[in-house]
Amino acid sequence: MELSADLKKAVLTAQKNELTEYIIYKKLAAIIKDEHNNKLLAQISQDELRHHNFWQKLTNRSVRADKLKIFIYVFLARFLGLTFAVKLMERGEDLAQDAYERLKHISSEVEGIIQDENRHEKELLNVIDEERLKYIGSVVLGLNDALVELTGALAGLTLALQRTRLIAMVGLITGIAAALSMAASEYLSTKQEETEKNPVKASIYTGFAYILTVLFLVFPYFLFANVFFSLGTMMVNALVVIAFFTFYISIAKEVSFRNRFLEMAGLSLSVAVISFFIGMLIRNVFGIDV
């Protein structure tokens, strides 16, 4: 059938999306070890290729896949997990389905494509079960404690000591000691629970998340000479960590980004402000001059 210019543009966009997603799912299938998930991704990949071929018959044109999009989603799957990458991609497909709804009058097959996309989403979200998601609670524990405790500690130390290198060293020692303590506590806690989680792995996730957060928060004090600029940069770093992790959780666990971000940011900033004034009080009362 003859397509108008606007309609042909929309179909070409759909065609490019389907080709891109065909390659993404094919690459994801190649890197996933779980046999069931591997077969599911391979099947979805073939469905996407079939969708692309349908659109190509309408346009009589070849398109190139979006190489940047392919790289991004494969990278995310490798480093942040298959669940996160797939759910993030499915959010983009929700927008594509809105466009498909407007193309339904072209052919009855478009309705089948929409049904396929809905089925893909249900199949993916129901079967993917990654180890890292089982331990997300341990990661949250490490991040939350590091953010709340260390932002408070560094804010207090900034006023009490007022020397960046000294603050950094004290903060680093405090943070690493706290990370080891939290990892040990998570090990004992998980061991007592009736859960599939391995206590050793749970403690490693908690400790690793804590130490990474500590290093990111302490880093400005090693980099800058001005204590207050270091403090400000540290707080920005804390918000970056909160925003990144909250975004991850909001996608992987399908929870509200806004509510969780405001909760975590509010706790961390409140503790930091209180500790800041405690540091000021201690410095004045005890006459500390380092």
C-alpha atoms as a PDB file:
ATOM      1  CA  MET A   1       0.000   0.000   0.000  1.00  0.00           C
ATOM      2  CA  GLU A   2       1.064   3.591  -0.643  1.00  0.00           C
ATOM      3  CA  LEU A   3       2.043   5.418   2.548  1.00  0.00           C
ATOM      4  CA  SER A   4       1.967   9.143   3.148  1.00  0.00           C
ATOM      5  CA  ALA A   5       5.271  10.838   4.007  1.00  0.00           C
ATOM      6  CA  ASP A   6       4.428  11.151   7.717  1.00  0.00           C
ATOM      7  CA  LEU A   7       3.139   7.600   7.943  1.00  0.00           C
ATOM      8  CA  LYS A   8       6.171   6.225   6.131  1.00  0.00           C
ATOM      9  CA  LYS A   9       8.435   8.059   8.573  1.00  0.00           C
ATOM     10  CA  ALA A  10       6.618   6.460  11.525  1.00  0.00           C
ATOM     11  CA  VAL A  11       6.868   3.003   9.957  1.00  0.00           C
ATOM     12  CA  LEU A  12      10.591   3.469   9.248  1.00  0.00           C
ATOM     13  CA  THR A  13      11.095   4.396  12.898  1.00  0.00           C
ATOM     14  CA  ALA A  14       9.257   1.228  13.961  1.00  0.00           C
ATOM     15  CA  GLN A  15      11.318  -0.781  11.498  1.00  0.00           C
ATOM     16  CA  LYS A  16      14.581   0.604  12.894  1.00  0.00           C
ATOM     17  CA  ASN A  17      13.480  -0.051  16.494  1.00  0.00           C
ATOM     18  CA  GLU A  18      12.594  -3.653  15.720  1.00  0.00           C
ATOM     19  CA  LEU A  19      15.919  -4.278  13.953  1.00  0.00           C
ATOM     20  CA  THR A  20      17.824  -2.703  16.840  1.00  0.00           C
ATOM     21  CA  GLU A  21      15.961  -4.755  19.440  1.00  0.00           C
ATOM     22  CA  TYR A  22      16.475  -7.926  17.382  1.00  0.00           C
ATOM     23  CA  ILE A  23      20.240  -7.412  17.633  1.00  0.00           C
ATOM     24  CA  ILE A  24      20.083  -6.441  21.324  1.00  0.00           C
ATOM     25  CA  TYR A  25      18.104  -9.532  22.340  1.00  0.00           C
ATOM     26  CA  LYS A  26      20.336 -11.719  20.174  1.00  0.00           C
ATOM     27  CA  LYS A  27      23.451 -10.366  21.908  1.00  0.00           C
ATOM     28  CA  LEU A  28      21.836 -10.685  25.342  1.00  0.00           C
ATOM     29  CA  ALA A  29      20.951 -14.307  24.613  1.00  0.00           C
ATOM     30  CA  ALA A  30      24.598 -14.947  23.765  1.00  0.00           C
ATOM     31  CA  ILE A  31      25.875 -13.663  27.124  1.00  0.00           C
ATOM     32  CA  ILE A  32      23.217 -15.199  29.406  1.00  0.00           C
ATOM     33  CA  LYS A  33      24.217 -18.530  30.962  1.00  0.00           C
ATOM     34  CA  ASP A  34      20.782 -19.544  32.238  1.00  0.00           C
ATOM     35  CA  GLU A  35      19.365 -21.942  29.621  1.00  0.00           C
ATOM     36  CA  HIS A  36      15.705 -20.946  30.043  1.00  0.00           C
ATOM     37  CA  ASN A  37      16.403 -17.199  29.850  1.00  0.00           C
ATOM     38  CA  ASN A  38      18.737 -17.825  26.922  1.00  0.00           C
ATOM     39  CA  LYS A  39      16.007 -19.575  24.920  1.00  0.00           C
ATOM     40  CA  LEU A  40      13.453 -16.911  25.815  1.00  0.00           C
ATOM     41  CA  LEU A  41      15.706 -14.076  24.661  1.00  0.00           C
ATOM     42  CA  ALA A  42      16.554 -15.933  21.448  1.00  0.00           C
ATOM     43  CA  GLN A  43      12.830 -16.419  20.709  1.00  0.00           C
ATOM     44  CA  ILE A  44      12.060 -12.749  21.387  1.00  0.00           C
ATOM     45  CA  SER A  45      14.960 -11.812  19.124  1.00  0.00           C
ATOM     46  CA  GLN A  46      13.377 -13.790  16.275  1.00  0.00           C
ATOM     47  CA  ASP A  47       9.997 -12.158  16.936  1.00  0.00           C
ATOM     48  CA  GLU A  48      11.609  -8.722  16.653  1.00  0.00           C
ATOM     49  CA  LEU A  49      13.237  -9.726  13.364  1.00  0.00           C
ATOM     50  CA  ARG A  50       9.859 -10.888  12.062  1.00  0.00           C
ATOM     51  CA  HIS A  51       8.344  -7.533  13.044  1.00  0.00           C
ATOM     52  CA  HIS A  52      11.162  -5.731  11.234  1.00  0.00           C
ATOM     53  CA  ASN A  53      10.563  -7.794   8.101  1.00  0.00           C
ATOM     54  CA  PHE A  54       6.864  -6.895   8.172  1.00  0.00           C
ATOM     55  CA  TRP A  55       7.614  -3.164   8.355  1.00  0.00           C
ATOM     56  CA  GLN A  56      10.230  -3.515   5.615  1.00  0.00           C
ATOM     57  CA  LYS A  57       7.620  -4.953   3.250  1.00  0.00           C
ATOM     58  CA  LEU A  58       5.592  -1.781   3.744  1.00  0.00           C
ATOM     59  CA  THR A  59       8.470   0.658   3.273  1.00  0.00           C
ATOM     60  CA  ASN A  60      10.502  -1.252   0.675  1.00  0.00           C
ATOM     61  CA  ARG A  61      13.554   0.237   2.325  1.00  0.00           C
ATOM     62  CA  SER A  62      16.464  -1.032   4.392  1.00  0.00           C
ATOM     63  CA  VAL A  63      17.375   0.662   7.665  1.00  0.00           C
ATOM     64  CA  ARG A  64      20.419   0.551   9.913  1.00  0.00           C
ATOM     65  CA  ALA A  65      20.193  -0.516  13.535  1.00  0.00           C
ATOM     66  CA  ASP A  66      20.960   2.015  16.253  1.00  0.00           C
ATOM     67  CA  LYS A  67      24.518   0.971  17.200  1.00  0.00           C
ATOM     68  CA  LEU A  68      24.668   3.324  20.193  1.00  0.00           C
ATOM     69  CA  LYS A  69      21.463   1.892  21.647  1.00  0.00           C
ATOM     70  CA  ILE A  70      22.782  -1.640  21.124  1.00  0.00           C
ATOM     71  CA  PHE A  71      26.040  -0.805  22.892  1.00  0.00           C
ATOM     72  CA  ILE A  72      24.280   0.893  25.812  1.00  0.00           C
ATOM     73  CA  TYR A  73      21.836  -1.930  26.564  1.00  0.00           C
ATOM     74  CA  VAL A  74      24.400  -4.707  26.185  1.00  0.00           C
ATOM     75  CA  PHE A  75      26.769  -2.737  28.440  1.00  0.00           C
ATOM     76  CA  LEU A  76      24.022  -2.222  31.031  1.00  0.00           C
ATOM     77  CA  ALA A  77      23.143  -5.924  30.947  1.00  0.00           C
ATOM     78  CA  ARG A  78      26.754  -6.917  31.527  1.00  0.00           C
ATOM     79  CA  PHE A  79      27.464  -4.510  34.380  1.00  0.00           C
ATOM     80  CA  LEU A  80      24.092  -3.732  35.982  1.00  0.00           C
ATOM     81  CA  GLY A  81      22.248  -6.936  35.216  1.00  0.00           C
ATOM     82  CA  LEU A  82      19.899  -8.362  32.636  1.00  0.00           C
ATOM     83  CA  THR A  83      16.782  -7.422  34.605  1.00  0.00           C
ATOM     84  CA  PHE A  84      17.708  -3.740  34.759  1.00  0.00           C
ATOM     85  CA  ALA A  85      18.619  -3.553  31.067  1.00  0.00           C
ATOM     86  CA  VAL A  86      15.511  -5.407  29.895  1.00  0.00           C
ATOM     87  CA  LYS A  87      13.099  -3.445  32.082  1.00  0.00           C
ATOM     88  CA  LEU A  88      14.652  -0.165  30.970  1.00  0.00           C
ATOM     89  CA  MET A  89      14.303  -1.222  27.344  1.00  0.00           C
ATOM     90  CA  GLU A  90      10.699  -2.323  27.895  1.00  0.00           C
ATOM     91  CA  ARG A  91       9.910   1.187  29.150  1.00  0.00           C
ATOM     92  CA  GLY A  92      11.052   2.486  25.797  1.00  0.00           C
ATOM     93  CA  GLU A  93       8.881  -0.095  24.058  1.00  0.00           C
ATOM     94  CA  ASP A  94       5.847   1.273  25.892  1.00  0.00           C
ATOM     95  CA  LEU A  95       6.360   4.482  23.916  1.00  0.00           C
ATOM     96  CA  ALA A  96       6.792   2.470  20.714  1.00  0.00           C
ATOM     97  CA  GLN A  97       3.482   0.702  21.328  1.00  0.00           C
ATOM     98  CA  ASP A  98       1.739   4.074  21.442  1.00  0.00           C
ATOM     99  CA  ALA A  99       3.070   4.676  17.949  1.00  0.00           C
ATOM    100  CA  TYR A 100       1.936   1.196  16.858  1.00  0.00           C
ATOM    101  CA  GLU A 101      -1.585   1.978  18.048  1.00  0.00           C
ATOM    102  CA  ARG A 102      -1.664   4.814  15.524  1.00  0.00           C
ATOM    103  CA  LEU A 103      -0.546   2.422  12.769  1.00  0.00           C
ATOM    104  CA  LYS A 104      -3.159  -0.272  13.410  1.00  0.00           C
ATOM    105  CA  HIS A 105      -5.252   0.829  10.452  1.00  0.00           C
ATOM    106  CA  ILE A 106      -2.423  -0.054   8.037  1.00  0.00           C
ATOM    107  CA  SER A 107      -2.769  -3.789   8.494  1.00  0.00           C
ATOM    108  CA  SER A 108      -4.362  -6.338  10.799  1.00  0.00           C
ATOM    109  CA  GLU A 109      -0.855  -7.695  11.447  1.00  0.00           C
ATOM    110  CA  VAL A 110      -0.002  -4.578  13.485  1.00  0.00           C
ATOM    111  CA  GLU A 111      -2.399  -5.809  16.171  1.00  0.00           C
ATOM    112  CA  GLY A 112      -0.395  -9.030  16.315  1.00  0.00           C
ATOM    113  CA  ILE A 113       2.824  -7.073  16.750  1.00  0.00           C
ATOM    114  CA  ILE A 114       1.302  -5.134  19.662  1.00  0.00           C
ATOM    115  CA  GLN A 115       0.200  -8.412  21.267  1.00  0.00           C
ATOM    116  CA  ASP A 116       3.708  -9.837  20.793  1.00  0.00           C
ATOM    117  CA  GLU A 117       5.270  -6.833  22.533  1.00  0.00           C
ATOM    118  CA  ASN A 118       2.870  -7.174  25.464  1.00  0.00           C
ATOM    119  CA  ARG A 119       3.610 -10.879  25.685  1.00  0.00           C
ATOM    120  CA  HIS A 120       7.365 -10.223  25.596  1.00  0.00           C
ATOM    121  CA  GLU A 121       7.115  -7.864  28.540  1.00  0.00           C
ATOM    122  CA  LYS A 122       5.157 -10.367  30.639  1.00  0.00           C
ATOM    123  CA  GLU A 123       7.444 -13.267  29.752  1.00  0.00           C
ATOM    124  CA  LEU A 124      10.621 -11.322  30.485  1.00  0.00           C
ATOM    125  CA  LEU A 125       9.514  -9.831  33.768  1.00  0.00           C
ATOM    126  CA  ASN A 126       8.080 -13.103  35.055  1.00  0.00           C
ATOM    127  CA  VAL A 127      11.025 -15.413  34.413  1.00  0.00           C
ATOM    128  CA  ILE A 128      14.200 -13.389  34.796  1.00  0.00           C
ATOM    129  CA  ASP A 129      15.630 -14.128  38.222  1.00  0.00           C
ATOM    130  CA  GLU A 130      19.111 -12.785  38.729  1.00  0.00           C
ATOM    131  CA  GLU A 131      21.336 -13.478  41.700  1.00  0.00           C
ATOM    132  CA  ARG A 132      22.194  -9.818  42.146  1.00  0.00           C
ATOM    133  CA  LEU A 133      18.526  -8.943  42.701  1.00  0.00           C
ATOM    134  CA  LYS A 134      18.337 -11.456  45.544  1.00  0.00           C
ATOM    135  CA  TYR A 135      21.067  -9.500  47.291  1.00  0.00           C
ATOM    136  CA  ILE A 136      19.696  -6.040  46.538  1.00  0.00           C
ATOM    137  CA  GLY A 137      18.684  -5.710  50.196  1.00  0.00           C
ATOM    138  CA  SER A 138      22.303  -6.233  51.230  1.00  0.00           C
ATOM    139  CA  VAL A 139      23.455  -3.562  48.762  1.00  0.00           C
ATOM    140  CA  VAL A 140      20.797  -1.157  50.048  1.00  0.00           C
ATOM    141  CA  LEU A 141      21.971  -1.805  53.598  1.00  0.00           C
ATOM    142  CA  GLY A 142      25.574  -0.990  52.700  1.00  0.00           C
ATOM    143  CA  LEU A 143      24.684   2.116  50.717  1.00  0.00           C
ATOM    144  CA  ASN A 144      22.208   3.512  53.220  1.00  0.00           C
ATOM    145  CA  ASP A 145      24.527   3.088  56.172  1.00  0.00           C
ATOM    146  CA  ALA A 146      27.516   4.526  54.329  1.00  0.00           C
ATOM    147  CA  LEU A 147      25.554   7.507  53.063  1.00  0.00           C
ATOM    148  CA  VAL A 148      23.914   8.343  56.381  1.00  0.00           C
ATOM    149  CA  GLU A 149      26.874   7.616  58.651  1.00  0.00           C
ATOM    150  CA  LEU A 150      29.704   8.962  56.524  1.00  0.00           C
ATOM    151  CA  THR A 151      28.024  12.137  55.284  1.00  0.00           C
ATOM    152  CA  GLY A 152      27.313  12.910  58.922  1.00  0.00           C
ATOM    153  CA  ALA A 153      30.807  11.982  60.065  1.00  0.00           C
ATOM    154  CA  LEU A 154      32.553  13.967  57.308  1.00  0.00           C
ATOM    155  CA  ALA A 155      30.363  17.022  57.921  1.00  0.00           C
ATOM    156  CA  GLY A 156      31.197  16.915  61.630  1.00  0.00           C
ATOM    157  CA  LEU A 157      34.902  16.341  60.985  1.00  0.00           C
ATOM    158  CA  THR A 158      34.972  19.244  58.524  1.00  0.00           C
ATOM    159  CA  LEU A 159      34.069  21.715  61.265  1.00  0.00           C
ATOM    160  CA  ALA A 160      36.026  19.990  64.016  1.00  0.00           C
ATOM    161  CA  LEU A 161      39.328  19.430  62.164  1.00  0.00           C
ATOM    162  CA  GLN A 162      39.271  21.840  59.173  1.00  0.00           C
ATOM    163  CA  ARG A 163      42.182  20.124  57.384  1.00  0.00           C
ATOM    164  CA  THR A 164      41.218  18.209  54.240  1.00  0.00           C
ATOM    165  CA  ARG A 165      43.905  15.494  54.310  1.00  0.00           C
ATOM    166  CA  LEU A 166      43.320  14.807  57.991  1.00  0.00           C
ATOM    167  CA  ILE A 167      39.550  14.683  57.462  1.00  0.00           C
ATOM    168  CA  ALA A 168      40.052  12.317  54.507  1.00  0.00           C
ATOM    169  CA  MET A 169      42.269   9.940  56.481  1.00  0.00           C
ATOM    170  CA  VAL A 170      39.984   9.884  59.518  1.00  0.00           C
ATOM    171  CA  GLY A 171      36.937   9.450  57.262  1.00  0.00           C
ATOM    172  CA  LEU A 172      38.615   6.647  55.311  1.00  0.00           C
ATOM    173  CA  ILE A 173      39.648   4.742  58.427  1.00  0.00           C
ATOM    174  CA  THR A 174      36.212   5.223  59.959  1.00  0.00           C
ATOM    175  CA  GLY A 175      34.484   4.169  56.750  1.00  0.00           C
ATOM    176  CA  ILE A 176      36.525   1.019  56.173  1.00  0.00           C
ATOM    177  CA  ALA A 177      36.105  -0.053  59.806  1.00  0.00           C
ATOM    178  CA  ALA A 178      32.352   0.540  59.551  1.00  0.00           C
ATOM    179  CA  ALA A 179      32.209  -1.401  56.255  1.00  0.00           C
ATOM    180  CA  LEU A 180      33.860  -4.432  57.841  1.00  0.00           C
ATOM    181  CA  SER A 181      31.528  -4.162  60.812  1.00  0.00           C
ATOM    182  CA  MET A 182      28.453  -3.944  58.568  1.00  0.00           C
ATOM    183  CA  ALA A 183      29.638  -6.890  56.456  1.00  0.00           C
ATOM    184  CA  ALA A 184      30.093  -9.012  59.596  1.00  0.00           C
ATOM    185  CA  SER A 185      26.655  -7.989  60.898  1.00  0.00           C
ATOM    186  CA  GLU A 186      25.033  -8.849  57.553  1.00  0.00           C
ATOM    187  CA  TYR A 187      26.738 -12.255  57.590  1.00  0.00           C
ATOM    188  CA  LEU A 188      25.387 -13.068  61.060  1.00  0.00           C
ATOM    189  CA  SER A 189      21.946 -11.652  60.235  1.00  0.00           C
ATOM    190  CA  THR A 190      21.592 -13.602  56.968  1.00  0.00           C
ATOM    191  CA  LYS A 191      22.831 -16.793  58.617  1.00  0.00           C
ATOM    192  CA  GLN A 192      19.967 -16.593  61.116  1.00  0.00           C
ATOM    193  CA  GLU A 193      17.314 -15.994  58.462  1.00  0.00           C
ATOM    194  CA  GLU A 194      15.418 -18.649  56.529  1.00  0.00           C
ATOM    195  CA  THR A 195      16.446 -17.450  53.098  1.00  0.00           C
ATOM    196  CA  GLU A 196      18.071 -18.641  49.877  1.00  0.00           C
ATOM    197  CA  LYS A 197      20.765 -15.994  50.244  1.00  0.00           C
ATOM    198  CA  ASN A 198      24.307 -17.121  50.974  1.00  0.00           C
ATOM    199  CA  PRO A 199      25.573 -15.359  54.157  1.00  0.00           C
ATOM    200  CA  VAL A 200      29.073 -14.888  52.738  1.00  0.00           C
ATOM    201  CA  LYS A 201      27.778 -13.366  49.492  1.00  0.00           C
ATOM    202  CA  ALA A 202      25.353 -11.131  51.406  1.00  0.00           C
ATOM    203  CA  SER A 203      28.192  -9.820  53.572  1.00  0.00           C
ATOM    204  CA  ILE A 204      30.376  -9.205  50.514  1.00  0.00           C
ATOM    205  CA  TYR A 205      27.614  -7.254  48.752  1.00  0.00           C
ATOM    206  CA  THR A 206      27.047  -5.132  51.876  1.00  0.00           C
ATOM    207  CA  GLY A 207      30.733  -4.495  52.541  1.00  0.00           C
ATOM    208  CA  PHE A 208      31.581  -3.792  48.904  1.00  0.00           C
ATOM    209  CA  ALA A 209      28.707  -1.311  48.507  1.00  0.00           C
ATOM    210  CA  TYR A 210      29.764   0.406  51.738  1.00  0.00           C
ATOM    211  CA  ILE A 211      33.446   0.724  50.774  1.00  0.00           C
ATOM    212  CA  LEU A 212      32.684   2.010  47.250  1.00  0.00           C
ATOM    213  CA  THR A 213      30.421   4.673  48.755  1.00  0.00           C
ATOM    214  CA  VAL A 214      33.074   5.597  51.313  1.00  0.00           C
ATOM    215  CA  LEU A 215      35.731   6.072  48.625  1.00  0.00           C
ATOM    216  CA  PHE A 216      33.407   8.222  46.504  1.00  0.00           C
ATOM    217  CA  LEU A 217      32.460  10.429  49.453  1.00  0.00           C
ATOM    218  CA  VAL A 218      35.986  10.823  50.860  1.00  0.00           C
ATOM    219  CA  PHE A 219      37.631  11.492  47.473  1.00  0.00           C
ATOM    220  CA  PRO A 220      36.960  15.285  47.393  1.00  0.00           C
ATOM    221  CA  TYR A 221      38.946  15.767  50.606  1.00  0.00           C
ATOM    222  CA  PHE A 222      42.008  14.264  48.945  1.00  0.00           C
ATOM    223  CA  LEU A 223      41.490  16.348  45.815  1.00  0.00           C
ATOM    224  CA  PHE A 224      40.726  19.854  47.140  1.00  0.00           C
ATOM    225  CA  ALA A 225      42.429  22.037  49.757  1.00  0.00           C
ATOM    226  CA  ASN A 226      39.375  24.056  50.791  1.00  0.00           C
ATOM    227  CA  VAL A 227      37.447  22.148  53.463  1.00  0.00           C
ATOM    228  CA  PHE A 228      34.093  23.762  52.686  1.00  0.00           C
ATOM    229  CA  PHE A 229      34.415  23.170  48.952  1.00  0.00           C
ATOM    230  CA  SER A 230      35.312  19.558  49.746  1.00  0.00           C
ATOM    231  CA  LEU A 231      32.249  19.326  51.985  1.00  0.00           C
ATOM    232  CA  GLY A 232      29.999  20.700  49.250  1.00  0.00           C
ATOM    233  CA  THR A 233      31.453  18.316  46.660  1.00  0.00           C
ATOM    234  CA  MET A 234      31.022  15.409  49.061  1.00  0.00           C
ATOM    235  CA  MET A 235      27.336  16.243  49.481  1.00  0.00           C
ATOM    236  CA  VAL A 236      26.907  16.435  45.694  1.00  0.00           C
ATOM    237  CA  ASN A 237      28.601  13.031  45.421  1.00  0.00           C
ATOM    238  CA  ALA A 238      26.184  11.659  48.011  1.00  0.00           C
ATOM    239  CA  LEU A 239      23.215  12.900  45.981  1.00  0.00           C
ATOM    240  CA  VAL A 240      24.721  11.371  42.818  1.00  0.00           C
ATOM    241  CA  VAL A 241      25.037   7.981  44.547  1.00  0.00           C
ATOM    242  CA  ILE A 242      21.473   8.240  45.848  1.00  0.00           C
ATOM    243  CA  ALA A 243      20.114   9.261  42.430  1.00  0.00           C
ATOM    244  CA  PHE A 244      21.974   6.507  40.569  1.00  0.00           C
ATOM    245  CA  PHE A 245      21.010   3.734  42.943  1.00  0.00           C
ATOM    246  CA  THR A 246      17.428   4.954  43.293  1.00  0.00           C
ATOM    247  CA  PHE A 247      17.097   4.944  39.501  1.00  0.00           C
ATOM    248  CA  TYR A 248      18.442   1.391  39.405  1.00  0.00           C
ATOM    249  CA  ILE A 249      15.978   0.237  42.058  1.00  0.00           C
ATOM    250  CA  SER A 250      13.068   2.084  40.455  1.00  0.00           C
ATOM    251  CA  ILE A 251      13.685   0.191  37.199  1.00  0.00           C
ATOM    252  CA  ALA A 252      14.667  -3.228  38.547  1.00  0.00           C
ATOM    253  CA  LYS A 253      12.076  -3.355  41.334  1.00  0.00           C
ATOM    254  CA  GLU A 254       9.450  -1.065  39.758  1.00  0.00           C
ATOM    255  CA  VAL A 255       9.156   1.328  42.692  1.00  0.00           C
ATOM    256  CA  SER A 256       8.718   5.102  42.790  1.00  0.00           C
ATOM    257  CA  PHE A 257      11.958   6.956  42.020  1.00  0.00           C
ATOM    258  CA  ARG A 258      10.753  10.220  43.524  1.00  0.00           C
ATOM    259  CA  ASN A 259       9.637   8.849  46.891  1.00  0.00           C
ATOM    260  CA  ARG A 260      12.722   6.707  47.475  1.00  0.00           C
ATOM    261  CA  PHE A 261      15.113   9.444  46.336  1.00  0.00           C
ATOM    262  CA  LEU A 262      13.541  12.078  48.594  1.00  0.00           C
ATOM    263  CA  GLU A 263      13.590   9.675  51.535  1.00  0.00           C
ATOM    264  CA  MET A 264      17.260   8.717  51.158  1.00  0.00           C
ATOM    265  CA  ALA A 265      18.414  12.242  50.313  1.00  0.00           C
ATOM    266  CA  GLY A 266      16.435  13.718  53.201  1.00  0.00           C
ATOM    267  CA  LEU A 267      17.950  11.310  55.716  1.00  0.00           C
ATOM    268  CA  SER A 268      21.523  11.811  54.514  1.00  0.00           C
ATOM    269  CA  LEU A 269      21.307  15.606  54.332  1.00  0.00           C
ATOM    270  CA  SER A 270      19.545  15.889  57.698  1.00  0.00           C
ATOM    271  CA  VAL A 271      22.213  13.824  59.455  1.00  0.00           C
ATOM    272  CA  ALA A 272      24.953  15.814  57.709  1.00  0.00           C
ATOM    273  CA  VAL A 273      23.480  19.171  58.819  1.00  0.00           C
ATOM    274  CA  ILE A 274      23.065  17.992  62.411  1.00  0.00           C
ATOM    275  CA  SER A 275      26.621  16.583  62.474  1.00  0.00           C
ATOM    276  CA  PHE A 276      27.951  19.805  60.963  1.00  0.00           C
ATOM    277  CA  PHE A 277      26.650  21.807  63.905  1.00  0.00           C
ATOM    278  CA  ILE A 278      27.795  19.159  66.381  1.00  0.00           C
ATOM    279  CA  GLY A 279      31.303  19.499  64.923  1.00  0.00           C
ATOM    280  CA  MET A 280      31.081  23.281  65.318  1.00  0.00           C
ATOM    281  CA  LEU A 281      29.949  22.881  68.929  1.00  0.00           C
ATOM    282  CA  ILE A 282      32.709  20.403  69.786  1.00  0.00           C
ATOM    283  CA  ARG A 283      35.355  22.612  68.214  1.00  0.00           C
ATOM    284  CA  ASN A 284      34.222  25.628  70.224  1.00  0.00           C
ATOM    285  CA  VAL A 285      33.656  23.809  73.521  1.00  0.00           C
ATOM    286  CA  PHE A 286      36.917  21.875  73.510  1.00  0.00           C
ATOM    287  CA  GLY A 287      38.933  24.550  71.700  1.00  0.00           C
ATOM    288  CA  ILE A 288      40.249  22.113  69.110  1.00  0.00           C
ATOM    289  CA  ASP A 289      42.853  23.653  66.823  1.00  0.00           C
ATOM    290  CA  VAL A 290      44.491  21.046  64.624  1.00  0.00           C
END
